[in-house]
Amino acid sequence: MNKPTTGIFSNLSLREWQVLISMLNGLSIKEIAYQLKLKSNTISTYKKNIYYKLRIRTQIELFQLLLKE
């Protein structure tokens, strides 16, 4: 899935977009870290930054946001 160039998700970096897609595919932090060859703490930081940029606090809010887009 290509990173969007418009809309609310366009302000995410490519790596944040990759983490987001992996999260939406149901992967855990550890699984994402393994897939992207990063540390779990790094993925947690990406997740925190994604939530901040999207102005959400929970994964439920993330799914609600996706349904609106």
C-alpha atoms as a PDB file:
ATOM      1  CA  MET A   1       0.000   0.000   0.000  1.00  0.00           C
ATOM      2  CA  ASN A   2       1.437   3.356  -1.055  1.00  0.00           C
ATOM      3  CA  LYS A   3       1.748   6.217   1.401  1.00  0.00           C
ATOM      4  CA  PRO A   4      -1.011   8.791   0.851  1.00  0.00           C
ATOM      5  CA  THR A   5       0.034  12.216  -0.398  1.00  0.00           C
ATOM      6  CA  THR A   6      -3.148  13.980   0.718  1.00  0.00           C
ATOM      7  CA  GLY A   7      -5.387  13.792   3.748  1.00  0.00           C
ATOM      8  CA  ILE A   8      -4.717  13.243   7.412  1.00  0.00           C
ATOM      9  CA  PHE A   9      -2.214  10.425   6.826  1.00  0.00           C
ATOM     10  CA  SER A  10      -0.024  12.438   4.465  1.00  0.00           C
ATOM     11  CA  ASN A  11       1.892  14.033   7.348  1.00  0.00           C
ATOM     12  CA  LEU A  12       3.256  10.636   8.434  1.00  0.00           C
ATOM     13  CA  SER A  13       6.786   9.694   7.434  1.00  0.00           C
ATOM     14  CA  LEU A  14       7.292   6.643   5.244  1.00  0.00           C
ATOM     15  CA  ARG A  15       8.499   4.611   8.246  1.00  0.00           C
ATOM     16  CA  GLU A  16       5.525   5.743  10.354  1.00  0.00           C
ATOM     17  CA  TRP A  17       3.246   4.695   7.476  1.00  0.00           C
ATOM     18  CA  GLN A  18       4.912   1.251   7.394  1.00  0.00           C
ATOM     19  CA  VAL A  19       4.433   0.858  11.147  1.00  0.00           C
ATOM     20  CA  LEU A  20       0.810   1.983  10.879  1.00  0.00           C
ATOM     21  CA  ILE A  21       0.039  -0.526   8.111  1.00  0.00           C
ATOM     22  CA  SER A  22       1.690  -3.297  10.128  1.00  0.00           C
ATOM     23  CA  MET A  23      -0.364  -2.350  13.186  1.00  0.00           C
ATOM     24  CA  LEU A  24      -3.539  -2.424  11.110  1.00  0.00           C
ATOM     25  CA  ASN A  25      -2.561  -5.880   9.879  1.00  0.00           C
ATOM     26  CA  GLY A  26      -2.599  -7.029  13.500  1.00  0.00           C
ATOM     27  CA  LEU A  27       1.137  -7.328  14.098  1.00  0.00           C
ATOM     28  CA  SER A  28       2.479  -6.768  17.598  1.00  0.00           C
ATOM     29  CA  ILE A  29       5.215  -4.280  18.421  1.00  0.00           C
ATOM     30  CA  LYS A  30       7.741  -7.142  18.558  1.00  0.00           C
ATOM     31  CA  GLU A  31       6.581  -8.550  15.232  1.00  0.00           C
ATOM     32  CA  ILE A  32       6.800  -5.149  13.562  1.00  0.00           C
ATOM     33  CA  ALA A  33      10.275  -4.626  15.018  1.00  0.00           C
ATOM     34  CA  TYR A  34      11.399  -7.988  13.644  1.00  0.00           C
ATOM     35  CA  GLN A  35       9.845  -7.300  10.233  1.00  0.00           C
ATOM     36  CA  LEU A  36      11.465  -3.855   9.930  1.00  0.00           C
ATOM     37  CA  LYS A  37      14.726  -4.923  11.610  1.00  0.00           C
ATOM     38  CA  LEU A  38      14.351  -2.347  14.396  1.00  0.00           C
ATOM     39  CA  LYS A  39      14.136  -2.476  18.177  1.00  0.00           C
ATOM     40  CA  SER A  40      10.781  -2.711  19.931  1.00  0.00           C
ATOM     41  CA  ASN A  41      11.427   0.617  21.668  1.00  0.00           C
ATOM     42  CA  THR A  42      11.868   2.272  18.273  1.00  0.00           C
ATOM     43  CA  ILE A  43       8.535   0.889  17.069  1.00  0.00           C
ATOM     44  CA  SER A  44       6.871   2.106  20.271  1.00  0.00           C
ATOM     45  CA  THR A  45       8.263   5.575  19.579  1.00  0.00           C
ATOM     46  CA  TYR A  46       6.928   5.465  16.024  1.00  0.00           C
ATOM     47  CA  LYS A  47       3.527   4.415  17.365  1.00  0.00           C
ATOM     48  CA  LYS A  48       3.553   7.287  19.862  1.00  0.00           C
ATOM     49  CA  ASN A  49       4.463   9.752  17.095  1.00  0.00           C
ATOM     50  CA  ILE A  50       1.734   8.380  14.819  1.00  0.00           C
ATOM     51  CA  TYR A  51      -0.873   8.817  17.540  1.00  0.00           C
ATOM     52  CA  TYR A  52       0.387  12.339  18.254  1.00  0.00           C
ATOM     53  CA  LYS A  53       0.291  13.376  14.598  1.00  0.00           C
ATOM     54  CA  LEU A  54      -3.189  11.908  14.150  1.00  0.00           C
ATOM     55  CA  ARG A  55      -4.361  13.415  17.454  1.00  0.00           C
ATOM     56  CA  ILE A  56      -5.580  10.103  18.833  1.00  0.00           C
ATOM     57  CA  ARG A  57      -4.892   8.133  22.017  1.00  0.00           C
ATOM     58  CA  THR A  58      -6.071   4.589  21.342  1.00  0.00           C
ATOM     59  CA  GLN A  59      -6.170   1.995  18.609  1.00  0.00           C
ATOM     60  CA  ILE A  60      -9.974   2.216  18.666  1.00  0.00           C
ATOM     61  CA  GLU A  61      -9.705   5.911  17.784  1.00  0.00           C
ATOM     62  CA  LEU A  62      -7.346   4.918  14.979  1.00  0.00           C
ATOM     63  CA  PHE A  63      -9.931   2.552  13.497  1.00  0.00           C
ATOM     64  CA  GLN A  64     -12.649   5.211  13.857  1.00  0.00           C
ATOM     65  CA  LEU A  65     -10.399   7.677  12.027  1.00  0.00           C
ATOM     66  CA  LEU A  66      -9.802   5.189   9.233  1.00  0.00           C
ATOM     67  CA  LEU A  67     -13.518   4.665   8.798  1.00  0.00           C
ATOM     68  CA  LYS A  68     -13.996   8.420   8.379  1.00  0.00           C
ATOM     69  CA  GLU A  69     -11.246   8.765   5.759  1.00  0.00           C
END
